Amino acid sequence: MPDNRTAQVLLAVATAPPQKSAGVAIALWFFLAAFGGPWWYLGRPGSAIGAIVLYWICGALLVVGVGLFLLPILWIIDLLCIFSTIRKHNRQREQQLRAALAA
């Protein structure tokens, strides 16, 4: 029978949000960026909807030629934001686990 401390640690680990993988997010970005794929994976529905709107506006602007300049900028900004969100999420998860282990 586990002692109280072991039970607390197991509960903290079990209830902590799962760590997010940069590889999965990048694969989703590569294949499903226009549908907000990486943002749904990261649990950010507002960012997913924003990405959908921006990618489709850039897609529509491709007809005029303006999208050729805007789309690469959007890709770079999206990638940087994805990496930042993953780091933030994983750091928060680590802090939650450390706090639970220290208690």
PDB file of N, CA and C in Angstrom:
ATOM      1  N   MET A   1       0.843  -1.178   0.000  1.00  0.00           N
ATOM      2  CA  MET A   1       0.000   0.000   0.000  1.00  0.00           C
ATOM      3  C   MET A   1       0.894   1.248   0.000  1.00  0.00           C
ATOM      4  N   PRO A   2       0.736   2.153  -0.989  1.00  0.00           N
ATOM      5  CA  PRO A   2       1.596   3.331  -1.048  1.00  0.00           C
ATOM      6  C   PRO A   2       1.296   4.290   0.104  1.00  0.00           C
ATOM      7  N   ASP A   3       2.352   4.958   0.556  1.00  0.00           N
ATOM      8  CA  ASP A   3       2.147   5.929   1.625  1.00  0.00           C
ATOM      9  C   ASP A   3       1.509   7.198   1.059  1.00  0.00           C
ATOM     10  N   ASN A   4       1.201   8.147   1.923  1.00  0.00           N
ATOM     11  CA  ASN A   4       0.500   9.367   1.531  1.00  0.00           C
ATOM     12  C   ASN A   4       1.329  10.195   0.556  1.00  0.00           C
ATOM     13  N   ARG A   5       2.633  10.284   0.775  1.00  0.00           N
ATOM     14  CA  ARG A   5       3.517  11.073  -0.100  1.00  0.00           C
ATOM     15  C   ARG A   5       3.550  10.493  -1.508  1.00  0.00           C
ATOM     16  N   THR A   6       3.660   9.181  -1.612  1.00  0.00           N
ATOM     17  CA  THR A   6       3.660   8.525  -2.919  1.00  0.00           C
ATOM     18  C   THR A   6       2.341   8.748  -3.632  1.00  0.00           C
ATOM     19  N   ALA A   7       1.246   8.687  -2.905  1.00  0.00           N
ATOM     20  CA  ALA A   7      -0.072   8.921  -3.495  1.00  0.00           C
ATOM     21  C   ALA A   7      -0.181  10.346  -4.022  1.00  0.00           C
ATOM     22  N   GLN A   8       0.370  11.311  -3.285  1.00  0.00           N
ATOM     23  CA  GLN A   8       0.330  12.698  -3.733  1.00  0.00           C
ATOM     24  C   GLN A   8       1.136  12.884  -5.015  1.00  0.00           C
ATOM     25  N   VAL A   9       2.297  12.266  -5.075  1.00  0.00           N
ATOM     26  CA  VAL A   9       3.137  12.377  -6.264  1.00  0.00           C
ATOM     27  C   VAL A   9       2.443  11.738  -7.464  1.00  0.00           C
ATOM     28  N   LEU A  10       1.884  10.563  -7.271  1.00  0.00           N
ATOM     29  CA  LEU A  10       1.175   9.888  -8.364  1.00  0.00           C
ATOM     30  C   LEU A  10      -0.015  10.698  -8.844  1.00  0.00           C
ATOM     31  N   LEU A  11      -0.738  11.304  -7.915  1.00  0.00           N
ATOM     32  CA  LEU A  11      -1.882  12.141  -8.284  1.00  0.00           C
ATOM     33  C   LEU A  11      -1.418  13.366  -9.064  1.00  0.00           C
ATOM     34  N   ALA A  12      -0.317  13.991  -8.636  1.00  0.00           N
ATOM     35  CA  ALA A  12       0.207  15.171  -9.337  1.00  0.00           C
ATOM     36  C   ALA A  12       0.624  14.828 -10.757  1.00  0.00           C
ATOM     37  N   VAL A  13       1.295  13.699 -10.904  1.00  0.00           N
ATOM     38  CA  VAL A  13       1.739  13.289 -12.240  1.00  0.00           C
ATOM     39  C   VAL A  13       0.548  12.929 -13.121  1.00  0.00           C
ATOM     40  N   ALA A  14      -0.437  12.271 -12.550  1.00  0.00           N
ATOM     41  CA  ALA A  14      -1.599  11.840 -13.328  1.00  0.00           C
ATOM     42  C   ALA A  14      -2.484  13.006 -13.750  1.00  0.00           C
ATOM     43  N   THR A  15      -2.553  14.054 -12.929  1.00  0.00           N
ATOM     44  CA  THR A  15      -3.452  15.166 -13.247  1.00  0.00           C
ATOM     45  C   THR A  15      -2.763  16.294 -13.993  1.00  0.00           C
ATOM     46  N   ALA A  16      -1.436  16.254 -14.137  1.00  0.00           N
ATOM     47  CA  ALA A  16      -0.728  17.298 -14.879  1.00  0.00           C
ATOM     48  C   ALA A  16      -1.073  17.186 -16.356  1.00  0.00           C
ATOM     49  N   PRO A  17      -1.197  18.333 -17.029  1.00  0.00           N
ATOM     50  CA  PRO A  17      -1.470  18.262 -18.468  1.00  0.00           C
ATOM     51  C   PRO A  17      -0.308  17.592 -19.191  1.00  0.00           C
ATOM     52  N   PRO A  18      -0.577  16.858 -20.255  1.00  0.00           N
ATOM     53  CA  PRO A  18       0.509  16.162 -20.958  1.00  0.00           C
ATOM     54  C   PRO A  18       1.470  17.148 -21.613  1.00  0.00           C
ATOM     55  N   GLN A  19       2.721  16.735 -21.706  1.00  0.00           N
ATOM     56  CA  GLN A  19       3.727  17.561 -22.357  1.00  0.00           C
ATOM     57  C   GLN A  19       3.441  17.578 -23.853  1.00  0.00           C
ATOM     58  N   LYS A  20       3.634  18.725 -24.473  1.00  0.00           N
ATOM     59  CA  LYS A  20       3.381  18.859 -25.909  1.00  0.00           C
ATOM     60  C   LYS A  20       4.680  18.658 -26.680  1.00  0.00           C
ATOM     61  N   SER A  21       4.565  18.010 -27.818  1.00  0.00           N
ATOM     62  CA  SER A  21       5.714  17.690 -28.654  1.00  0.00           C
ATOM     63  C   SER A  21       5.858  18.707 -29.787  1.00  0.00           C
ATOM     64  N   ALA A  22       7.068  19.239 -29.942  1.00  0.00           N
ATOM     65  CA  ALA A  22       7.327  20.175 -31.033  1.00  0.00           C
ATOM     66  C   ALA A  22       7.225  19.465 -32.382  1.00  0.00           C
ATOM     67  N   GLY A  23       7.644  18.211 -32.445  1.00  0.00           N
ATOM     68  CA  GLY A  23       7.573  17.456 -33.699  1.00  0.00           C
ATOM     69  C   GLY A  23       6.151  17.278 -34.191  1.00  0.00           C
ATOM     70  N   VAL A  24       5.252  16.957 -33.272  1.00  0.00           N
ATOM     71  CA  VAL A  24       3.844  16.794 -33.645  1.00  0.00           C
ATOM     72  C   VAL A  24       3.267  18.129 -34.104  1.00  0.00           C
ATOM     73  N   ALA A  25       3.587  19.198 -33.366  1.00  0.00           N
ATOM     74  CA  ALA A  25       3.064  20.519 -33.723  1.00  0.00           C
ATOM     75  C   ALA A  25       3.569  20.961 -35.094  1.00  0.00           C
ATOM     76  N   ILE A  26       4.837  20.699 -35.390  1.00  0.00           N
ATOM     77  CA  ILE A  26       5.392  21.085 -36.692  1.00  0.00           C
ATOM     78  C   ILE A  26       4.768  20.253 -37.818  1.00  0.00           C
ATOM     79  N   ALA A  27       4.563  18.968 -37.568  1.00  0.00           N
ATOM     80  CA  ALA A  27       3.902  18.134 -38.587  1.00  0.00           C
ATOM     81  C   ALA A  27       2.485  18.642 -38.848  1.00  0.00           C
ATOM     82  N   LEU A  28       1.776  18.990 -37.788  1.00  0.00           N
ATOM     83  CA  LEU A  28       0.439  19.545 -37.965  1.00  0.00           C
ATOM     84  C   LEU A  28       0.483  20.880 -38.688  1.00  0.00           C
ATOM     85  N   TRP A  29       1.477  21.698 -38.360  1.00  0.00           N
ATOM     86  CA  TRP A  29       1.625  22.985 -39.048  1.00  0.00           C
ATOM     87  C   TRP A  29       1.883  22.769 -40.536  1.00  0.00           C
ATOM     88  N   PHE A  30       2.763  21.818 -40.859  1.00  0.00           N
ATOM     89  CA  PHE A  30       3.124  21.580 -42.252  1.00  0.00           C
ATOM     90  C   PHE A  30       1.926  21.111 -43.079  1.00  0.00           C
ATOM     91  N   PHE A  31       1.124  20.213 -42.504  1.00  0.00           N
ATOM     92  CA  PHE A  31       0.019  19.633 -43.263  1.00  0.00           C
ATOM     93  C   PHE A  31      -1.328  20.323 -43.041  1.00  0.00           C
ATOM     94  N   LEU A  32      -1.536  20.905 -41.875  1.00  0.00           N
ATOM     95  CA  LEU A  32      -2.873  21.415 -41.540  1.00  0.00           C
ATOM     96  C   LEU A  32      -2.885  22.852 -41.024  1.00  0.00           C
ATOM     97  N   ALA A  33      -1.886  23.639 -41.391  1.00  0.00           N
ATOM     98  CA  ALA A  33      -1.822  25.019 -40.889  1.00  0.00           C
ATOM     99  C   ALA A  33      -3.045  25.824 -41.299  1.00  0.00           C
ATOM    100  N   ALA A  34      -3.527  25.640 -42.498  1.00  0.00           N
ATOM    101  CA  ALA A  34      -4.670  26.415 -42.987  1.00  0.00           C
ATOM    102  C   ALA A  34      -5.961  26.080 -42.244  1.00  0.00           C
ATOM    103  N   PHE A  35      -5.949  25.003 -41.473  1.00  0.00           N
ATOM    104  CA  PHE A  35      -7.120  24.620 -40.677  1.00  0.00           C
ATOM    105  C   PHE A  35      -6.857  24.750 -39.179  1.00  0.00           C
ATOM    106  N   GLY A  36      -5.755  25.423 -38.813  1.00  0.00           N
ATOM    107  CA  GLY A  36      -5.431  25.641 -37.410  1.00  0.00           C
ATOM    108  C   GLY A  36      -4.938  24.408 -36.688  1.00  0.00           C
ATOM    109  N   GLY A  37      -4.455  23.415 -37.409  1.00  0.00           N
ATOM    110  CA  GLY A  37      -4.053  22.131 -36.835  1.00  0.00           C
ATOM    111  C   GLY A  37      -3.182  22.205 -35.595  1.00  0.00           C
ATOM    112  N   PRO A  38      -2.047  22.922 -35.646  1.00  0.00           N
ATOM    113  CA  PRO A  38      -1.187  22.928 -34.460  1.00  0.00           C
ATOM    114  C   PRO A  38      -1.827  23.633 -33.270  1.00  0.00           C
ATOM    115  N   TRP A  39      -2.677  24.590 -33.540  1.00  0.00           N
ATOM    116  CA  TRP A  39      -3.311  25.334 -32.440  1.00  0.00           C
ATOM    117  C   TRP A  39      -4.374  24.506 -31.750  1.00  0.00           C
ATOM    118  N   TRP A  40      -5.085  23.680 -32.494  1.00  0.00           N
ATOM    119  CA  TRP A  40      -6.044  22.767 -31.851  1.00  0.00           C
ATOM    120  C   TRP A  40      -5.277  21.783 -30.974  1.00  0.00           C
ATOM    121  N   TYR A  41      -4.147  21.282 -31.468  1.00  0.00           N
ATOM    122  CA  TYR A  41      -3.312  20.353 -30.704  1.00  0.00           C
ATOM    123  C   TYR A  41      -2.802  20.995 -29.414  1.00  0.00           C
ATOM    124  N   LEU A  42      -2.443  22.266 -29.495  1.00  0.00           N
ATOM    125  CA  LEU A  42      -1.914  22.963 -28.331  1.00  0.00           C
ATOM    126  C   LEU A  42      -3.006  23.460 -27.382  1.00  0.00           C
ATOM    127  N   GLY A  43      -4.261  23.196 -27.703  1.00  0.00           N
ATOM    128  CA  GLY A  43      -5.358  23.588 -26.829  1.00  0.00           C
ATOM    129  C   GLY A  43      -5.669  25.070 -26.881  1.00  0.00           C
ATOM    130  N   ARG A  44      -5.456  25.695 -28.020  1.00  0.00           N
ATOM    131  CA  ARG A  44      -5.693  27.125 -28.189  1.00  0.00           C
ATOM    132  C   ARG A  44      -6.721  27.349 -29.294  1.00  0.00           C
ATOM    133  N   PRO A  45      -8.012  27.124 -29.009  1.00  0.00           N
ATOM    134  CA  PRO A  45      -9.020  27.254 -30.061  1.00  0.00           C
ATOM    135  C   PRO A  45      -9.139  28.664 -30.630  1.00  0.00           C
ATOM    136  N   GLY A  46      -8.923  29.683 -29.815  1.00  0.00           N
ATOM    137  CA  GLY A  46      -8.974  31.052 -30.330  1.00  0.00           C
ATOM    138  C   GLY A  46      -7.880  31.309 -31.352  1.00  0.00           C
ATOM    139  N   SER A  47      -6.675  30.819 -31.054  1.00  0.00           N
ATOM    140  CA  SER A  47      -5.565  30.961 -32.001  1.00  0.00           C
ATOM    141  C   SER A  47      -5.820  30.131 -33.253  1.00  0.00           C
ATOM    142  N   ALA A  48      -6.466  28.980 -33.091  1.00  0.00           N
ATOM    143  CA  ALA A  48      -6.780  28.135 -34.251  1.00  0.00           C
ATOM    144  C   ALA A  48      -7.734  28.853 -35.196  1.00  0.00           C
ATOM    145  N   ILE A  49      -8.756  29.464 -34.647  1.00  0.00           N
ATOM    146  CA  ILE A  49      -9.724  30.187 -35.483  1.00  0.00           C
ATOM    147  C   ILE A  49      -9.054  31.388 -36.137  1.00  0.00           C
ATOM    148  N   GLY A  50      -8.203  32.097 -35.378  1.00  0.00           N
ATOM    149  CA  GLY A  50      -7.463  33.215 -35.961  1.00  0.00           C
ATOM    150  C   GLY A  50      -6.560  32.770 -37.092  1.00  0.00           C
ATOM    151  N   ALA A  51      -5.890  31.639 -36.921  1.00  0.00           N
ATOM    152  CA  ALA A  51      -5.017  31.111 -37.969  1.00  0.00           C
ATOM    153  C   ALA A  51      -5.823  30.734 -39.208  1.00  0.00           C
ATOM    154  N   ILE A  52      -6.972  30.121 -38.990  1.00  0.00           N
ATOM    155  CA  ILE A  52      -7.825  29.750 -40.124  1.00  0.00           C
ATOM    156  C   ILE A  52      -8.197  30.995 -40.930  1.00  0.00           C
ATOM    157  N   VAL A  53      -8.635  32.031 -40.238  1.00  0.00           N
ATOM    158  CA  VAL A  53      -9.041  33.269 -40.921  1.00  0.00           C
ATOM    159  C   VAL A  53      -7.863  33.872 -41.674  1.00  0.00           C
ATOM    160  N   LEU A  54      -6.698  33.987 -41.006  1.00  0.00           N
ATOM    161  CA  LEU A  54      -5.542  34.607 -41.658  1.00  0.00           C
ATOM    162  C   LEU A  54      -5.044  33.805 -42.851  1.00  0.00           C
ATOM    163  N   TYR A  55      -4.972  32.478 -42.706  1.00  0.00           N
ATOM    164  CA  TYR A  55      -4.490  31.665 -43.825  1.00  0.00           C
ATOM    165  C   TYR A  55      -5.449  31.732 -45.010  1.00  0.00           C
ATOM    166  N   TRP A  56      -6.735  31.746 -44.746  1.00  0.00           N
ATOM    167  CA  TRP A  56      -7.681  31.804 -45.857  1.00  0.00           C
ATOM    168  C   TRP A  56      -7.712  33.184 -46.503  1.00  0.00           C
ATOM    169  N   ILE A  57      -7.496  34.231 -45.719  1.00  0.00           N
ATOM    170  CA  ILE A  57      -7.388  35.575 -46.316  1.00  0.00           C
ATOM    171  C   ILE A  57      -6.147  35.644 -47.200  1.00  0.00           C
ATOM    172  N   CYS A  58      -5.024  35.126 -46.700  1.00  0.00           N
ATOM    173  CA  CYS A  58      -3.802  35.103 -47.529  1.00  0.00           C
ATOM    174  C   CYS A  58      -4.001  34.260 -48.777  1.00  0.00           C
ATOM    175  N   GLY A  59      -4.725  33.151 -48.641  1.00  0.00           N
ATOM    176  CA  GLY A  59      -5.021  32.316 -49.807  1.00  0.00           C
ATOM    177  C   GLY A  59      -5.840  33.066 -50.839  1.00  0.00           C
ATOM    178  N   ALA A  60      -6.810  33.839 -50.362  1.00  0.00           N
ATOM    179  CA  ALA A  60      -7.617  34.626 -51.286  1.00  0.00           C
ATOM    180  C   ALA A  60      -6.784  35.726 -51.938  1.00  0.00           C
ATOM    181  N   LEU A  61      -5.849  36.283 -51.196  1.00  0.00           N
ATOM    182  CA  LEU A  61      -5.001  37.339 -51.744  1.00  0.00           C
ATOM    183  C   LEU A  61      -3.958  36.811 -52.720  1.00  0.00           C
ATOM    184  N   LEU A  62      -3.773  35.486 -52.763  1.00  0.00           N
ATOM    185  CA  LEU A  62      -2.862  34.904 -53.754  1.00  0.00           C
ATOM    186  C   LEU A  62      -3.346  35.203 -55.170  1.00  0.00           C
ATOM    187  N   VAL A  63      -4.650  35.313 -55.331  1.00  0.00           N
ATOM    188  CA  VAL A  63      -5.221  35.604 -56.645  1.00  0.00           C
ATOM    189  C   VAL A  63      -4.712  36.955 -57.145  1.00  0.00           C
ATOM    190  N   VAL A  64      -4.590  37.911 -56.238  1.00  0.00           N
ATOM    191  CA  VAL A  64      -4.143  39.250 -56.596  1.00  0.00           C
ATOM    192  C   VAL A  64      -2.612  39.328 -56.633  1.00  0.00           C
ATOM    193  N   GLY A  65      -1.954  38.412 -55.950  1.00  0.00           N
ATOM    194  CA  GLY A  65      -0.504  38.416 -55.905  1.00  0.00           C
ATOM    195  C   GLY A  65       0.058  38.918 -54.589  1.00  0.00           C
ATOM    196  N   VAL A  66      -0.762  39.569 -53.782  1.00  0.00           N
ATOM    197  CA  VAL A  66      -0.303  40.097 -52.491  1.00  0.00           C
ATOM    198  C   VAL A  66      -0.009  38.952 -51.531  1.00  0.00           C
ATOM    199  N   GLY A  67      -0.756  37.869 -51.639  1.00  0.00           N
ATOM    200  CA  GLY A  67      -0.573  36.726 -50.757  1.00  0.00           C
ATOM    201  C   GLY A  67       0.804  36.092 -50.873  1.00  0.00           C
ATOM    202  N   LEU A  68       1.467  36.277 -52.024  1.00  0.00           N
ATOM    203  CA  LEU A  68       2.811  35.732 -52.201  1.00  0.00           C
ATOM    204  C   LEU A  68       3.797  36.348 -51.214  1.00  0.00           C
ATOM    205  N   PHE A  69       3.546  37.583 -50.814  1.00  0.00           N
ATOM    206  CA  PHE A  69       4.417  38.252 -49.850  1.00  0.00           C
ATOM    207  C   PHE A  69       3.960  38.025 -48.423  1.00  0.00           C
ATOM    208  N   LEU A  70       2.650  37.942 -48.227  1.00  0.00           N
ATOM    209  CA  LEU A  70       2.109  37.800 -46.877  1.00  0.00           C
ATOM    210  C   LEU A  70       2.211  36.376 -46.335  1.00  0.00           C
ATOM    211  N   LEU A  71       2.049  35.387 -47.185  1.00  0.00           N
ATOM    212  CA  LEU A  71       2.032  33.997 -46.728  1.00  0.00           C
ATOM    213  C   LEU A  71       3.341  33.558 -46.069  1.00  0.00           C
ATOM    214  N   PRO A  72       4.504  33.838 -46.644  1.00  0.00           N
ATOM    215  CA  PRO A  72       5.746  33.446 -45.953  1.00  0.00           C
ATOM    216  C   PRO A  72       5.922  34.153 -44.602  1.00  0.00           C
ATOM    217  N   ILE A  73       5.500  35.402 -44.512  1.00  0.00           N
ATOM    218  CA  ILE A  73       5.572  36.127 -43.244  1.00  0.00           C
ATOM    219  C   ILE A  73       4.662  35.459 -42.223  1.00  0.00           C
ATOM    220  N   LEU A  74       3.468  35.083 -42.648  1.00  0.00           N
ATOM    221  CA  LEU A  74       2.524  34.402 -41.757  1.00  0.00           C
ATOM    222  C   LEU A  74       3.083  33.054 -41.304  1.00  0.00           C
ATOM    223  N   TRP A  75       3.732  32.320 -42.196  1.00  0.00           N
ATOM    224  CA  TRP A  75       4.339  31.032 -41.837  1.00  0.00           C
ATOM    225  C   TRP A  75       5.386  31.209 -40.745  1.00  0.00           C
ATOM    226  N   ILE A  76       6.260  32.196 -40.917  1.00  0.00           N
ATOM    227  CA  ILE A  76       7.329  32.418 -39.938  1.00  0.00           C
ATOM    228  C   ILE A  76       6.749  32.825 -38.581  1.00  0.00           C
ATOM    229  N   ILE A  77       5.805  33.756 -38.598  1.00  0.00           N
ATOM    230  CA  ILE A  77       5.182  34.197 -37.342  1.00  0.00           C
ATOM    231  C   ILE A  77       4.466  33.038 -36.669  1.00  0.00           C
ATOM    232  N   ASP A  78       3.763  32.241 -37.445  1.00  0.00           N
ATOM    233  CA  ASP A  78       3.034  31.097 -36.903  1.00  0.00           C
ATOM    234  C   ASP A  78       3.995  30.100 -36.249  1.00  0.00           C
ATOM    235  N   LEU A  79       5.097  29.794 -36.922  1.00  0.00           N
ATOM    236  CA  LEU A  79       6.083  28.862 -36.357  1.00  0.00           C
ATOM    237  C   LEU A  79       6.679  29.384 -35.053  1.00  0.00           C
ATOM    238  N   LEU A  80       7.048  30.655 -35.029  1.00  0.00           N
ATOM    239  CA  LEU A  80       7.609  31.235 -33.812  1.00  0.00           C
ATOM    240  C   LEU A  80       6.612  31.192 -32.662  1.00  0.00           C
ATOM    241  N   CYS A  81       5.359  31.486 -32.956  1.00  0.00           N
ATOM    242  CA  CYS A  81       4.324  31.446 -31.918  1.00  0.00           C
ATOM    243  C   CYS A  81       4.080  30.019 -31.431  1.00  0.00           C
ATOM    244  N   ILE A  82       4.142  29.061 -32.332  1.00  0.00           N
ATOM    245  CA  ILE A  82       3.961  27.653 -31.946  1.00  0.00           C
ATOM    246  C   ILE A  82       5.069  27.223 -30.993  1.00  0.00           C
ATOM    247  N   PHE A  83       6.325  27.525 -31.338  1.00  0.00           N
ATOM    248  CA  PHE A  83       7.444  27.154 -30.460  1.00  0.00           C
ATOM    249  C   PHE A  83       7.327  27.834 -29.106  1.00  0.00           C
ATOM    250  N   SER A  84       6.935  29.091 -29.104  1.00  0.00           N
ATOM    251  CA  SER A  84       6.781  29.832 -27.852  1.00  0.00           C
ATOM    252  C   SER A  84       5.687  29.217 -26.988  1.00  0.00           C
ATOM    253  N   THR A  85       4.586  28.840 -27.602  1.00  0.00           N
ATOM    254  CA  THR A  85       3.468  28.246 -26.866  1.00  0.00           C
ATOM    255  C   THR A  85       3.854  26.885 -26.295  1.00  0.00           C
ATOM    256  N   ILE A  86       4.601  26.095 -27.050  1.00  0.00           N
ATOM    257  CA  ILE A  86       5.047  24.783 -26.558  1.00  0.00           C
ATOM    258  C   ILE A  86       5.963  24.958 -25.352  1.00  0.00           C
ATOM    259  N   ARG A  87       6.928  25.876 -25.454  1.00  0.00           N
ATOM    260  CA  ARG A  87       7.836  26.126 -24.326  1.00  0.00           C
ATOM    261  C   ARG A  87       7.061  26.571 -23.088  1.00  0.00           C
ATOM    262  N   LYS A  88       6.114  27.474 -23.275  1.00  0.00           N
ATOM    263  CA  LYS A  88       5.317  27.978 -22.151  1.00  0.00           C
ATOM    264  C   LYS A  88       4.496  26.859 -21.524  1.00  0.00           C
ATOM    265  N   HIS A  89       3.850  26.062 -22.339  1.00  0.00           N
ATOM    266  CA  HIS A  89       3.022  24.959 -21.834  1.00  0.00           C
ATOM    267  C   HIS A  89       3.870  23.952 -21.054  1.00  0.00           C
ATOM    268  N   ASN A  90       4.997  23.551 -21.622  1.00  0.00           N
ATOM    269  CA  ASN A  90       5.839  22.552 -20.975  1.00  0.00           C
ATOM    270  C   ASN A  90       6.491  23.100 -19.701  1.00  0.00           C
ATOM    271  N   ARG A  91       6.822  24.397 -19.690  1.00  0.00           N
ATOM    272  CA  ARG A  91       7.381  25.013 -18.490  1.00  0.00           C
ATOM    273  C   ARG A  91       6.337  25.044 -17.369  1.00  0.00           C
ATOM    274  N   GLN A  92       5.094  25.381 -17.708  1.00  0.00           N
ATOM    275  CA  GLN A  92       4.029  25.391 -16.706  1.00  0.00           C
ATOM    276  C   GLN A  92       3.796  23.989 -16.153  1.00  0.00           C
ATOM    277  N   ARG A  93       3.844  22.995 -17.013  1.00  0.00           N
ATOM    278  CA  ARG A  93       3.657  21.606 -16.574  1.00  0.00           C
ATOM    279  C   ARG A  93       4.777  21.211 -15.611  1.00  0.00           C
ATOM    280  N   GLU A  94       6.000  21.581 -15.952  1.00  0.00           N
ATOM    281  CA  GLU A  94       7.139  21.242 -15.101  1.00  0.00           C
ATOM    282  C   GLU A  94       7.018  21.936 -13.742  1.00  0.00           C
ATOM    283  N   GLN A  95       6.587  23.189 -13.726  1.00  0.00           N
ATOM    284  CA  GLN A  95       6.426  23.914 -12.465  1.00  0.00           C
ATOM    285  C   GLN A  95       5.338  23.283 -11.597  1.00  0.00           C
ATOM    286  N   GLN A  96       4.249  22.820 -12.233  1.00  0.00           N
ATOM    287  CA  GLN A  96       3.178  22.173 -11.489  1.00  0.00           C
ATOM    288  C   GLN A  96       3.687  20.879 -10.841  1.00  0.00           C
ATOM    289  N   LEU A  97       4.458  20.116 -11.600  1.00  0.00           N
ATOM    290  CA  LEU A  97       4.982  18.868 -11.058  1.00  0.00           C
ATOM    291  C   LEU A  97       5.991  19.121  -9.939  1.00  0.00           C
ATOM    292  N   ARG A  98       6.850  20.129 -10.117  1.00  0.00           N
ATOM    293  CA  ARG A  98       7.820  20.451  -9.062  1.00  0.00           C
ATOM    294  C   ARG A  98       7.129  20.922  -7.799  1.00  0.00           C
ATOM    295  N   ALA A  99       6.078  21.728  -7.957  1.00  0.00           N
ATOM    296  CA  ALA A  99       5.342  22.193  -6.782  1.00  0.00           C
ATOM    297  C   ALA A  99       4.682  21.024  -6.057  1.00  0.00           C
ATOM    298  N   ALA A 100       4.154  20.083  -6.832  1.00  0.00           N
ATOM    299  CA  ALA A 100       3.511  18.927  -6.226  1.00  0.00           C
ATOM    300  C   ALA A 100       4.529  18.033  -5.512  1.00  0.00           C
ATOM    301  N   LEU A 101       5.709  17.915  -6.098  1.00  0.00           N
ATOM    302  CA  LEU A 101       6.743  17.091  -5.479  1.00  0.00           C
ATOM    303  C   LEU A 101       7.324  17.762  -4.226  1.00  0.00           C
ATOM    304  N   ALA A 102       7.346  19.082  -4.232  1.00  0.00           N
ATOM    305  CA  ALA A 102       7.898  19.813  -3.082  1.00  0.00           C
ATOM    306  C   ALA A 102       6.926  19.853  -1.903  1.00  0.00           C
ATOM    307  N   ALA A 103       5.660  19.681  -2.180  1.00  0.00           N
ATOM    308  CA  ALA A 103       4.638  19.770  -1.112  1.00  0.00           C
ATOM    309  C   ALA A 103       4.665  18.563  -0.200  1.00  0.00           C
TER     310      ALA A 103
END
